[in-house]
Amino acid sequence: MGWFPCSGQSSEEIKKRKKKEALDPIQPTSEKFKKNPPSKVKDSAKDGGSGHIAAQTFAFRELAAATRNFRGDCLLGEGGFGRVYKGRLESSDQIVAIKQLDRNGLQGNREFLVEVLMLSLLHHSNLVNLIGYCADGDQRLLVYEYMPLGSLEDHLHDSDCADISPGKKRLDWNTRMKIAAGAAKGLEYLHVKASPPVIYRDLKCSNILLDEDYHPKLSDFGLAKLGPVGDNTHVSTRVMGTYGYCAPEYAMTGQLTLKSDVYSFGVVLLEIITGRKAIDNSKTAGEHNLVAWVCALSLSLYT
């Protein structure tokens, strides 16, 4: 889940922004979003969109109880946002994934708000379902449906090792194509059916989660942006993303378009086909970057 700013923002500026965010507490209900939504996103009725905030609000003590006070054996993983725990909600007996914001981490209130807003308004079978959130004091947590098979990255790259992790197996070709097609459908929904369109901006293998039938769902929408509308061709923004997946023209200009996501999907597709990582420094020189390696390989076929 790691991502990086590559527009040259200083660490001092980041500290100032985080300090300001810490002094601007989030209202612990959805009323703030209802009264002052940044923009209205309409969903396709066909995909179950309701056009209103549907996420529940949780007290911190409820989520602490669900994870047995965030015990280590409930930990599923961690990234730039913080840690993700497996938990069981006492009120519904539902198994969920709970993501807890690291107050010293890369993401802050802005990304938290974006994710709550986006996943509350956007609904599709290939997008992870946000059940609710917690904004008690300085605690920021997100509650998602639990995806038992973890991420595509876990299965795609861990299977290169002789000892495959328990519950995981090497992906056969049909399963790989099923996952690729499902991720494409999720992206199509964001780009074509959502109005205004949404640019995901962080498509990568670790953000594609799998249910028990290897049905893929896109997750982690903290970097998502509303796309250009009308005569606008792009959205100008500070460059954010994950090295190896970020479209080069976006990285150089800061001009974000739907094609930026398409480039990232192309990288994911190459990973699915080849089994290689987008960036792998363990490879020999010239093979560290998957896209560069594939381009060089393609050129060699015609020379």
C-alpha atoms as a PDB file:
ATOM      1  CA  MET A   1       0.000   0.000   0.000  1.00  0.00           C
ATOM      2  CA  GLY A   2       2.989   2.285  -0.021  1.00  0.00           C
ATOM      3  CA  TRP A   3       2.991   5.372  -2.234  1.00  0.00           C
ATOM      4  CA  PHE A   4       5.188   8.383  -2.744  1.00  0.00           C
ATOM      5  CA  PRO A   5       5.023  12.107  -3.536  1.00  0.00           C
ATOM      6  CA  CYS A   6       7.387  12.940  -6.392  1.00  0.00           C
ATOM      7  CA  SER A   7       6.736  16.642  -6.851  1.00  0.00           C
ATOM      8  CA  GLY A   8       9.473  17.801  -4.497  1.00  0.00           C
ATOM      9  CA  GLN A   9       7.349  18.717  -1.484  1.00  0.00           C
ATOM     10  CA  SER A  10       9.663  19.183   1.506  1.00  0.00           C
ATOM     11  CA  SER A  11       9.357  17.183   4.708  1.00  0.00           C
ATOM     12  CA  GLU A  12       8.767  20.469   6.552  1.00  0.00           C
ATOM     13  CA  GLU A  13       5.730  21.226   4.380  1.00  0.00           C
ATOM     14  CA  ILE A  14       4.369  17.744   5.017  1.00  0.00           C
ATOM     15  CA  LYS A  15       4.813  18.201   8.766  1.00  0.00           C
ATOM     16  CA  LYS A  16       2.951  21.535   8.648  1.00  0.00           C
ATOM     17  CA  ARG A  17       0.080  19.967   6.682  1.00  0.00           C
ATOM     18  CA  LYS A  18      -0.180  17.075   9.140  1.00  0.00           C
ATOM     19  CA  LYS A  19      -0.163  19.499  12.082  1.00  0.00           C
ATOM     20  CA  LYS A  20      -2.993  21.463  10.505  1.00  0.00           C
ATOM     21  CA  GLU A  21      -4.950  18.256   9.856  1.00  0.00           C
ATOM     22  CA  ALA A  22      -4.494  17.189  13.478  1.00  0.00           C
ATOM     23  CA  LEU A  23      -6.127  20.440  14.587  1.00  0.00           C
ATOM     24  CA  ASP A  24      -9.107  19.905  12.271  1.00  0.00           C
ATOM     25  CA  PRO A  25     -11.003  16.978  13.807  1.00  0.00           C
ATOM     26  CA  ILE A  26     -13.419  14.977  11.681  1.00  0.00           C
ATOM     27  CA  GLN A  27     -17.021  15.025  12.808  1.00  0.00           C
ATOM     28  CA  PRO A  28     -17.817  11.509  14.056  1.00  0.00           C
ATOM     29  CA  THR A  29     -20.932  11.203  11.881  1.00  0.00           C
ATOM     30  CA  SER A  30     -21.684  11.356   8.194  1.00  0.00           C
ATOM     31  CA  GLU A  31     -23.417  14.731   8.544  1.00  0.00           C
ATOM     32  CA  LYS A  32     -20.261  16.590   7.483  1.00  0.00           C
ATOM     33  CA  PHE A  33     -20.293  14.811   4.142  1.00  0.00           C
ATOM     34  CA  LYS A  34     -24.023  15.327   3.675  1.00  0.00           C
ATOM     35  CA  LYS A  35     -23.835  19.074   4.310  1.00  0.00           C
ATOM     36  CA  ASN A  36     -20.620  19.850   2.448  1.00  0.00           C
ATOM     37  CA  PRO A  37     -19.815  17.114  -0.106  1.00  0.00           C
ATOM     38  CA  PRO A  38     -16.812  18.036  -2.311  1.00  0.00           C
ATOM     39  CA  SER A  39     -18.712  16.856  -5.327  1.00  0.00           C
ATOM     40  CA  LYS A  40     -21.705  14.659  -6.027  1.00  0.00           C
ATOM     41  CA  VAL A  41     -20.919  11.314  -7.556  1.00  0.00           C
ATOM     42  CA  LYS A  42     -23.839   9.531  -9.162  1.00  0.00           C
ATOM     43  CA  ASP A  43     -23.815   5.758  -9.354  1.00  0.00           C
ATOM     44  CA  SER A  44     -25.287   3.505 -11.981  1.00  0.00           C
ATOM     45  CA  ALA A  45     -28.523   2.030 -10.629  1.00  0.00           C
ATOM     46  CA  LYS A  46     -27.580  -1.181 -12.352  1.00  0.00           C
ATOM     47  CA  ASP A  47     -24.565  -1.531 -10.055  1.00  0.00           C
ATOM     48  CA  GLY A  48     -26.479  -0.787  -6.876  1.00  0.00           C
ATOM     49  CA  GLY A  49     -25.361   2.811  -6.400  1.00  0.00           C
ATOM     50  CA  SER A  50     -27.531   4.796  -4.019  1.00  0.00           C
ATOM     51  CA  GLY A  51     -26.028   8.268  -4.329  1.00  0.00           C
ATOM     52  CA  HIS A  52     -25.827   8.805  -0.562  1.00  0.00           C
ATOM     53  CA  ILE A  53     -23.483   8.062   2.317  1.00  0.00           C
ATOM     54  CA  ALA A  54     -24.186   4.496   3.426  1.00  0.00           C
ATOM     55  CA  ALA A  55     -21.221   3.781   5.707  1.00  0.00           C
ATOM     56  CA  GLN A  56     -21.856   3.121   9.394  1.00  0.00           C
ATOM     57  CA  THR A  57     -20.053   4.994  12.157  1.00  0.00           C
ATOM     58  CA  PHE A  58     -18.296   2.986  14.856  1.00  0.00           C
ATOM     59  CA  ALA A  59     -16.973   3.921  18.272  1.00  0.00           C
ATOM     60  CA  PHE A  60     -13.292   3.143  18.823  1.00  0.00           C
ATOM     61  CA  ARG A  61     -14.137   0.775  21.675  1.00  0.00           C
ATOM     62  CA  GLU A  62     -16.277  -1.325  19.291  1.00  0.00           C
ATOM     63  CA  LEU A  63     -13.380  -1.832  16.903  1.00  0.00           C
ATOM     64  CA  ALA A  64     -10.915  -2.436  19.731  1.00  0.00           C
ATOM     65  CA  ALA A  65     -13.214  -5.189  20.991  1.00  0.00           C
ATOM     66  CA  ALA A  66     -13.580  -6.609  17.461  1.00  0.00           C
ATOM     67  CA  THR A  67      -9.796  -7.020  17.143  1.00  0.00           C
ATOM     68  CA  ARG A  68      -9.230  -8.046  20.783  1.00  0.00           C
ATOM     69  CA  ASN A  69      -7.506  -4.734  21.397  1.00  0.00           C
ATOM     70  CA  PHE A  70      -5.570  -4.949  18.106  1.00  0.00           C
ATOM     71  CA  ARG A  71      -3.715  -8.091  19.058  1.00  0.00           C
ATOM     72  CA  GLY A  72      -0.772  -9.155  16.927  1.00  0.00           C
ATOM     73  CA  ASP A  73      -2.382 -12.445  15.899  1.00  0.00           C
ATOM     74  CA  CYS A  74      -5.214 -10.445  14.269  1.00  0.00           C
ATOM     75  CA  LEU A  75      -2.802  -8.456  12.096  1.00  0.00           C
ATOM     76  CA  LEU A  76      -3.329  -9.029   8.357  1.00  0.00           C
ATOM     77  CA  GLY A  77      -0.737  -6.571   7.035  1.00  0.00           C
ATOM     78  CA  GLU A  78       0.426  -2.984   7.019  1.00  0.00           C
ATOM     79  CA  GLY A  79       1.328  -0.222   4.590  1.00  0.00           C
ATOM     80  CA  GLY A  80       1.537   3.545   4.145  1.00  0.00           C
ATOM     81  CA  PHE A  81      -1.834   4.110   5.823  1.00  0.00           C
ATOM     82  CA  GLY A  82      -1.206   1.931   8.853  1.00  0.00           C
ATOM     83  CA  ARG A  83      -2.108  -1.584   9.936  1.00  0.00           C
ATOM     84  CA  VAL A  84      -4.967  -3.841   8.831  1.00  0.00           C
ATOM     85  CA  TYR A  85      -6.529  -6.259  11.319  1.00  0.00           C
ATOM     86  CA  LYS A  86      -9.025  -9.076  11.051  1.00  0.00           C
ATOM     87  CA  GLY A  87     -11.911  -8.613  13.454  1.00  0.00           C
ATOM     88  CA  ARG A  88     -15.412  -9.720  14.353  1.00  0.00           C
ATOM     89  CA  LEU A  89     -18.109  -7.115  15.014  1.00  0.00           C
ATOM     90  CA  GLU A  90     -19.983  -7.988  18.202  1.00  0.00           C
ATOM     91  CA  SER A  91     -23.167  -6.258  17.022  1.00  0.00           C
ATOM     92  CA  SER A  92     -23.557  -8.378  13.864  1.00  0.00           C
ATOM     93  CA  ASP A  93     -21.049 -11.216  14.366  1.00  0.00           C
ATOM     94  CA  GLN A  94     -19.616 -10.239  10.972  1.00  0.00           C
ATOM     95  CA  ILE A  95     -15.955 -10.869  10.159  1.00  0.00           C
ATOM     96  CA  VAL A  96     -14.350  -7.672   8.816  1.00  0.00           C
ATOM     97  CA  ALA A  97     -11.023  -6.094   7.954  1.00  0.00           C
ATOM     98  CA  ILE A  98     -10.187  -3.008  10.031  1.00  0.00           C
ATOM     99  CA  LYS A  99      -7.601  -0.523   8.797  1.00  0.00           C
ATOM    100  CA  GLN A 100      -6.140   1.746  11.475  1.00  0.00           C
ATOM    101  CA  LEU A 101      -4.515   5.027  10.513  1.00  0.00           C
ATOM    102  CA  ASP A 102      -0.926   5.386  11.635  1.00  0.00           C
ATOM    103  CA  ARG A 103      -0.861   8.926  13.021  1.00  0.00           C
ATOM    104  CA  ASN A 104       2.797   9.192  11.986  1.00  0.00           C
ATOM    105  CA  GLY A 105       2.278   7.479   8.640  1.00  0.00           C
ATOM    106  CA  LEU A 106       2.159   8.689   5.046  1.00  0.00           C
ATOM    107  CA  GLN A 107      -1.566   9.309   4.820  1.00  0.00           C
ATOM    108  CA  GLY A 108      -3.554  11.811   6.820  1.00  0.00           C
ATOM    109  CA  ASN A 109      -7.083  13.128   7.322  1.00  0.00           C
ATOM    110  CA  ARG A 110      -7.392  14.155   3.681  1.00  0.00           C
ATOM    111  CA  GLU A 111      -6.838  10.646   2.361  1.00  0.00           C
ATOM    112  CA  PHE A 112      -9.083   9.206   5.088  1.00  0.00           C
ATOM    113  CA  LEU A 113     -11.920  11.527   4.069  1.00  0.00           C
ATOM    114  CA  VAL A 114     -11.442  10.743   0.374  1.00  0.00           C
ATOM    115  CA  GLU A 115     -11.651   7.007   0.990  1.00  0.00           C
ATOM    116  CA  VAL A 116     -14.787   7.275   3.140  1.00  0.00           C
ATOM    117  CA  LEU A 117     -16.465   9.501   0.565  1.00  0.00           C
ATOM    118  CA  MET A 118     -15.495   7.478  -2.496  1.00  0.00           C
ATOM    119  CA  LEU A 119     -16.373   4.049  -1.152  1.00  0.00           C
ATOM    120  CA  SER A 120     -19.606   5.329   0.391  1.00  0.00           C
ATOM    121  CA  LEU A 121     -20.815   6.667  -2.957  1.00  0.00           C
ATOM    122  CA  LEU A 122     -19.346   4.150  -5.385  1.00  0.00           C
ATOM    123  CA  HIS A 123     -20.712   0.614  -5.424  1.00  0.00           C
ATOM    124  CA  HIS A 124     -19.721  -2.186  -7.789  1.00  0.00           C
ATOM    125  CA  SER A 125     -19.064  -5.902  -7.505  1.00  0.00           C
ATOM    126  CA  ASN A 126     -15.382  -5.265  -8.290  1.00  0.00           C
ATOM    127  CA  LEU A 127     -14.878  -2.555  -5.650  1.00  0.00           C
ATOM    128  CA  VAL A 128     -14.289  -3.492  -2.017  1.00  0.00           C
ATOM    129  CA  ASN A 129     -17.269  -2.754   0.214  1.00  0.00           C
ATOM    130  CA  LEU A 130     -16.775  -0.146   2.947  1.00  0.00           C
ATOM    131  CA  ILE A 131     -18.885  -1.118   5.957  1.00  0.00           C
ATOM    132  CA  GLY A 132     -18.080   1.897   8.086  1.00  0.00           C
ATOM    133  CA  TYR A 133     -15.503   4.117   9.735  1.00  0.00           C
ATOM    134  CA  CYS A 134     -14.412   5.487  13.099  1.00  0.00           C
ATOM    135  CA  ALA A 135     -13.379   9.071  13.827  1.00  0.00           C
ATOM    136  CA  ASP A 136     -13.227   9.104  17.613  1.00  0.00           C
ATOM    137  CA  GLY A 137     -10.855  11.826  18.818  1.00  0.00           C
ATOM    138  CA  ASP A 138      -7.618  11.391  16.897  1.00  0.00           C
ATOM    139  CA  GLN A 139      -8.395   7.780  15.976  1.00  0.00           C
ATOM    140  CA  ARG A 140      -9.080   7.098  12.280  1.00  0.00           C
ATOM    141  CA  LEU A 141     -10.197   3.610  11.242  1.00  0.00           C
ATOM    142  CA  LEU A 142     -11.924   2.095   8.213  1.00  0.00           C
ATOM    143  CA  VAL A 143     -14.014  -1.092   8.309  1.00  0.00           C
ATOM    144  CA  TYR A 144     -14.213  -3.202   5.139  1.00  0.00           C
ATOM    145  CA  GLU A 145     -15.646  -6.517   4.117  1.00  0.00           C
ATOM    146  CA  TYR A 146     -13.124  -9.254   4.816  1.00  0.00           C
ATOM    147  CA  MET A 147     -11.401 -10.690   1.728  1.00  0.00           C
ATOM    148  CA  PRO A 148     -10.156 -14.138   2.817  1.00  0.00           C
ATOM    149  CA  LEU A 149      -7.583 -14.741   0.071  1.00  0.00           C
ATOM    150  CA  GLY A 150      -5.715 -11.474   0.618  1.00  0.00           C
ATOM    151  CA  SER A 151      -4.196  -9.554  -2.274  1.00  0.00           C
ATOM    152  CA  LEU A 152      -3.204 -10.545  -5.780  1.00  0.00           C
ATOM    153  CA  GLU A 153       0.375  -9.654  -4.873  1.00  0.00           C
ATOM    154  CA  ASP A 154       0.431 -12.350  -2.177  1.00  0.00           C
ATOM    155  CA  HIS A 155      -0.534 -15.106  -4.605  1.00  0.00           C
ATOM    156  CA  LEU A 156       1.308 -13.845  -7.640  1.00  0.00           C
ATOM    157  CA  HIS A 157       4.733 -13.327  -6.124  1.00  0.00           C
ATOM    158  CA  ASP A 158       4.768 -15.513  -3.014  1.00  0.00           C
ATOM    159  CA  SER A 159       4.133 -18.501  -5.277  1.00  0.00           C
ATOM    160  CA  ASP A 160       7.576 -17.979  -6.813  1.00  0.00           C
ATOM    161  CA  CYS A 161       8.998 -19.466  -3.648  1.00  0.00           C
ATOM    162  CA  ALA A 162       9.270 -23.191  -3.022  1.00  0.00           C
ATOM    163  CA  ASP A 163       7.212 -22.940   0.167  1.00  0.00           C
ATOM    164  CA  ILE A 164       3.838 -21.372  -0.596  1.00  0.00           C
ATOM    165  CA  SER A 165       2.097 -19.674   2.308  1.00  0.00           C
ATOM    166  CA  PRO A 166      -0.784 -21.659   3.884  1.00  0.00           C
ATOM    167  CA  GLY A 167      -4.080 -21.138   2.085  1.00  0.00           C
ATOM    168  CA  LYS A 168      -2.388 -19.915  -1.084  1.00  0.00           C
ATOM    169  CA  LYS A 169      -1.691 -21.695  -4.334  1.00  0.00           C
ATOM    170  CA  ARG A 170      -0.088 -20.984  -7.668  1.00  0.00           C
ATOM    171  CA  LEU A 171      -2.530 -19.182  -9.920  1.00  0.00           C
ATOM    172  CA  ASP A 172      -3.464 -21.071 -13.067  1.00  0.00           C
ATOM    173  CA  TRP A 173      -3.979 -19.213 -16.343  1.00  0.00           C
ATOM    174  CA  ASN A 174      -7.792 -19.118 -16.166  1.00  0.00           C
ATOM    175  CA  THR A 175      -7.697 -17.682 -12.643  1.00  0.00           C
ATOM    176  CA  ARG A 176      -5.182 -15.030 -13.702  1.00  0.00           C
ATOM    177  CA  MET A 177      -7.412 -13.947 -16.586  1.00  0.00           C
ATOM    178  CA  LYS A 178     -10.470 -13.936 -14.317  1.00  0.00           C
ATOM    179  CA  ILE A 179      -8.672 -11.584 -11.929  1.00  0.00           C
ATOM    180  CA  ALA A 180      -7.465  -9.333 -14.764  1.00  0.00           C
ATOM    181  CA  ALA A 181     -10.978  -9.118 -16.248  1.00  0.00           C
ATOM    182  CA  GLY A 182     -12.527  -8.316 -12.869  1.00  0.00           C
ATOM    183  CA  ALA A 183     -10.000  -5.563 -12.149  1.00  0.00           C
ATOM    184  CA  ALA A 184     -10.707  -4.118 -15.618  1.00  0.00           C
ATOM    185  CA  LYS A 185     -14.454  -4.088 -14.893  1.00  0.00           C
ATOM    186  CA  GLY A 186     -13.859  -2.208 -11.645  1.00  0.00           C
ATOM    187  CA  LEU A 187     -11.734   0.345 -13.485  1.00  0.00           C
ATOM    188  CA  GLU A 188     -14.323   0.649 -16.258  1.00  0.00           C
ATOM    189  CA  TYR A 189     -16.982   1.426 -13.656  1.00  0.00           C
ATOM    190  CA  LEU A 190     -14.870   4.241 -12.196  1.00  0.00           C
ATOM    191  CA  HIS A 191     -14.012   5.710 -15.593  1.00  0.00           C
ATOM    192  CA  VAL A 192     -17.210   5.210 -17.581  1.00  0.00           C
ATOM    193  CA  LYS A 193     -20.222   4.613 -15.314  1.00  0.00           C
ATOM    194  CA  ALA A 194     -19.432   6.912 -12.384  1.00  0.00           C
ATOM    195  CA  SER A 195     -20.407  10.523 -13.040  1.00  0.00           C
ATOM    196  CA  PRO A 196     -18.157  12.460 -12.834  1.00  0.00           C
ATOM    197  CA  PRO A 197     -15.521   9.838 -13.630  1.00  0.00           C
ATOM    198  CA  VAL A 198     -13.103   8.801 -10.896  1.00  0.00           C
ATOM    199  CA  ILE A 199      -9.359   8.347 -11.407  1.00  0.00           C
ATOM    200  CA  TYR A 200      -8.175   5.591  -9.072  1.00  0.00           C
ATOM    201  CA  ARG A 201      -4.499   6.635  -9.140  1.00  0.00           C
ATOM    202  CA  ASP A 202      -3.196   3.657  -7.151  1.00  0.00           C
ATOM    203  CA  LEU A 203      -3.893   0.518  -9.169  1.00  0.00           C
ATOM    204  CA  LYS A 204      -1.380  -2.203  -8.260  1.00  0.00           C
ATOM    205  CA  CYS A 205      -1.355  -5.868  -7.308  1.00  0.00           C
ATOM    206  CA  SER A 206      -1.382  -5.220  -3.563  1.00  0.00           C
ATOM    207  CA  ASN A 207      -4.611  -3.193  -3.934  1.00  0.00           C
ATOM    208  CA  ILE A 208      -6.486  -5.961  -5.770  1.00  0.00           C
ATOM    209  CA  LEU A 209      -8.108  -8.125  -3.085  1.00  0.00           C
ATOM    210  CA  LEU A 210      -9.533 -11.615  -3.626  1.00  0.00           C
ATOM    211  CA  ASP A 211     -12.530 -13.360  -2.080  1.00  0.00           C
ATOM    212  CA  GLU A 212     -12.786 -17.108  -1.541  1.00  0.00           C
ATOM    213  CA  ASP A 213     -13.571 -17.647  -5.257  1.00  0.00           C
ATOM    214  CA  TYR A 214     -10.712 -15.437  -6.504  1.00  0.00           C
ATOM    215  CA  HIS A 215     -13.203 -12.699  -7.400  1.00  0.00           C
ATOM    216  CA  PRO A 216     -11.132  -9.476  -7.452  1.00  0.00           C
ATOM    217  CA  LYS A 217     -12.050  -6.154  -5.858  1.00  0.00           C
ATOM    218  CA  LEU A 218     -10.163  -2.852  -6.015  1.00  0.00           C
ATOM    219  CA  SER A 219      -9.305  -1.383  -2.615  1.00  0.00           C
ATOM    220  CA  ASP A 220      -7.509   1.583  -1.021  1.00  0.00           C
ATOM    221  CA  PHE A 221      -9.076   4.733  -2.507  1.00  0.00           C
ATOM    222  CA  GLY A 222      -7.171   7.320  -0.466  1.00  0.00           C
ATOM    223  CA  LEU A 223      -5.488   8.745  -3.584  1.00  0.00           C
ATOM    224  CA  ALA A 224      -8.576   8.737  -5.839  1.00  0.00           C
ATOM    225  CA  LYS A 225      -9.477  11.967  -7.657  1.00  0.00           C
ATOM    226  CA  LEU A 226     -12.530  13.113  -9.577  1.00  0.00           C
ATOM    227  CA  GLY A 227     -11.647  13.103 -13.266  1.00  0.00           C
ATOM    228  CA  PRO A 228     -11.893  15.927 -15.813  1.00  0.00           C
ATOM    229  CA  VAL A 229     -15.334  16.995 -17.017  1.00  0.00           C
ATOM    230  CA  GLY A 230     -16.598  19.109 -19.884  1.00  0.00           C
ATOM    231  CA  ASP A 231     -13.840  20.447 -22.119  1.00  0.00           C
ATOM    232  CA  ASN A 232     -11.118  19.705 -19.591  1.00  0.00           C
ATOM    233  CA  THR A 233      -8.621  17.073 -20.697  1.00  0.00           C
ATOM    234  CA  HIS A 234      -6.844  16.490 -17.391  1.00  0.00           C
ATOM    235  CA  VAL A 235      -6.690  17.274 -13.688  1.00  0.00           C
ATOM    236  CA  SER A 236      -3.575  19.073 -12.444  1.00  0.00           C
ATOM    237  CA  THR A 237      -2.444  17.672  -9.112  1.00  0.00           C
ATOM    238  CA  ARG A 238       0.572  16.878  -6.995  1.00  0.00           C
ATOM    239  CA  VAL A 239       2.042  13.646  -8.320  1.00  0.00           C
ATOM    240  CA  MET A 240       1.305  10.685  -6.065  1.00  0.00           C
ATOM    241  CA  GLY A 241       1.472   6.983  -6.736  1.00  0.00           C
ATOM    242  CA  THR A 242       3.618   3.882  -6.433  1.00  0.00           C
ATOM    243  CA  TYR A 243       6.959   3.589  -8.161  1.00  0.00           C
ATOM    244  CA  GLY A 244       6.728   1.203 -11.096  1.00  0.00           C
ATOM    245  CA  TYR A 245       3.002   1.768 -11.625  1.00  0.00           C
ATOM    246  CA  CYS A 246       2.881   5.545 -12.093  1.00  0.00           C
ATOM    247  CA  ALA A 247       2.369   6.653 -15.725  1.00  0.00           C
ATOM    248  CA  PRO A 248       5.519   8.499 -16.932  1.00  0.00           C
ATOM    249  CA  GLU A 249       3.632  11.418 -18.509  1.00  0.00           C
ATOM    250  CA  TYR A 250       1.748  11.986 -15.236  1.00  0.00           C
ATOM    251  CA  ALA A 251       4.980  11.761 -13.212  1.00  0.00           C
ATOM    252  CA  MET A 252       6.636  14.356 -15.465  1.00  0.00           C
ATOM    253  CA  THR A 253       3.788  16.858 -15.828  1.00  0.00           C
ATOM    254  CA  GLY A 254       1.387  16.344 -12.929  1.00  0.00           C
ATOM    255  CA  GLN A 255      -1.446  16.183 -15.468  1.00  0.00           C
ATOM    256  CA  LEU A 256      -3.720  13.344 -14.362  1.00  0.00           C
ATOM    257  CA  THR A 257      -6.033  11.630 -16.861  1.00  0.00           C
ATOM    258  CA  LEU A 258      -7.987   8.390 -17.078  1.00  0.00           C
ATOM    259  CA  LYS A 259      -5.107   7.037 -19.160  1.00  0.00           C
ATOM    260  CA  SER A 260      -2.907   7.231 -16.071  1.00  0.00           C
ATOM    261  CA  ASP A 261      -4.971   4.381 -14.606  1.00  0.00           C
ATOM    262  CA  VAL A 262      -4.829   2.495 -17.905  1.00  0.00           C
ATOM    263  CA  TYR A 263      -1.016   2.569 -17.776  1.00  0.00           C
ATOM    264  CA  SER A 264      -1.095   1.181 -14.216  1.00  0.00           C
ATOM    265  CA  PHE A 265      -3.479  -1.562 -15.350  1.00  0.00           C
ATOM    266  CA  GLY A 266      -1.018  -2.442 -18.116  1.00  0.00           C
ATOM    267  CA  VAL A 267       1.726  -2.907 -15.517  1.00  0.00           C
ATOM    268  CA  VAL A 268      -0.551  -5.134 -13.426  1.00  0.00           C
ATOM    269  CA  LEU A 269      -1.407  -7.161 -16.533  1.00  0.00           C
ATOM    270  CA  LEU A 270       2.287  -7.670 -17.253  1.00  0.00           C
ATOM    271  CA  GLU A 271       2.772  -8.886 -13.687  1.00  0.00           C
ATOM    272  CA  ILE A 272      -0.123 -11.316 -14.079  1.00  0.00           C
ATOM    273  CA  ILE A 273       1.244 -12.673 -17.368  1.00  0.00           C
ATOM    274  CA  THR A 274       4.934 -12.893 -16.451  1.00  0.00           C
ATOM    275  CA  GLY A 275       4.769 -13.495 -12.695  1.00  0.00           C
ATOM    276  CA  ARG A 276       7.439 -10.789 -12.247  1.00  0.00           C
ATOM    277  CA  LYS A 277       7.203  -7.771  -9.955  1.00  0.00           C
ATOM    278  CA  ALA A 278       6.814  -4.239 -11.337  1.00  0.00           C
ATOM    279  CA  ILE A 279      10.091  -3.321  -9.628  1.00  0.00           C
ATOM    280  CA  ASP A 280      12.463  -6.087  -8.564  1.00  0.00           C
ATOM    281  CA  ASN A 281      15.961  -5.067  -7.523  1.00  0.00           C
ATOM    282  CA  SER A 282      16.964  -8.706  -7.081  1.00  0.00           C
ATOM    283  CA  LYS A 283      16.991  -9.113 -10.871  1.00  0.00           C
ATOM    284  CA  THR A 284      20.072  -8.480 -12.996  1.00  0.00           C
ATOM    285  CA  ALA A 285      20.783  -5.043 -14.472  1.00  0.00           C
ATOM    286  CA  GLY A 286      18.259  -4.142 -17.161  1.00  0.00           C
ATOM    287  CA  GLU A 287      15.536  -6.301 -15.609  1.00  0.00           C
ATOM    288  CA  HIS A 288      14.766  -4.291 -12.457  1.00  0.00           C
ATOM    289  CA  ASN A 289      11.862  -2.426 -14.087  1.00  0.00           C
ATOM    290  CA  LEU A 290       9.262  -4.774 -15.592  1.00  0.00           C
ATOM    291  CA  VAL A 291       8.010  -2.323 -18.240  1.00  0.00           C
ATOM    292  CA  ALA A 292      11.544  -1.435 -19.381  1.00  0.00           C
ATOM    293  CA  TRP A 293      12.466  -5.125 -19.541  1.00  0.00           C
ATOM    294  CA  VAL A 294       9.392  -6.011 -21.625  1.00  0.00           C
ATOM    295  CA  CYS A 295      10.018  -3.083 -23.986  1.00  0.00           C
ATOM    296  CA  ALA A 296      13.650  -4.124 -24.485  1.00  0.00           C
ATOM    297  CA  LEU A 297      12.581  -7.735 -25.014  1.00  0.00           C
ATOM    298  CA  SER A 298      10.003  -6.680 -27.595  1.00  0.00           C
ATOM    299  CA  LEU A 299      12.526  -4.565 -29.500  1.00  0.00           C
ATOM    300  CA  SER A 300      15.009  -7.441 -29.591  1.00  0.00           C
ATOM    301  CA  LEU A 301      12.467  -9.549 -31.464  1.00  0.00           C
ATOM    302  CA  TYR A 302      12.538  -7.112 -34.376  1.00  0.00           C
ATOM    303  CA  THR A 303      16.277  -6.553 -34.599  1.00  0.00           C
END
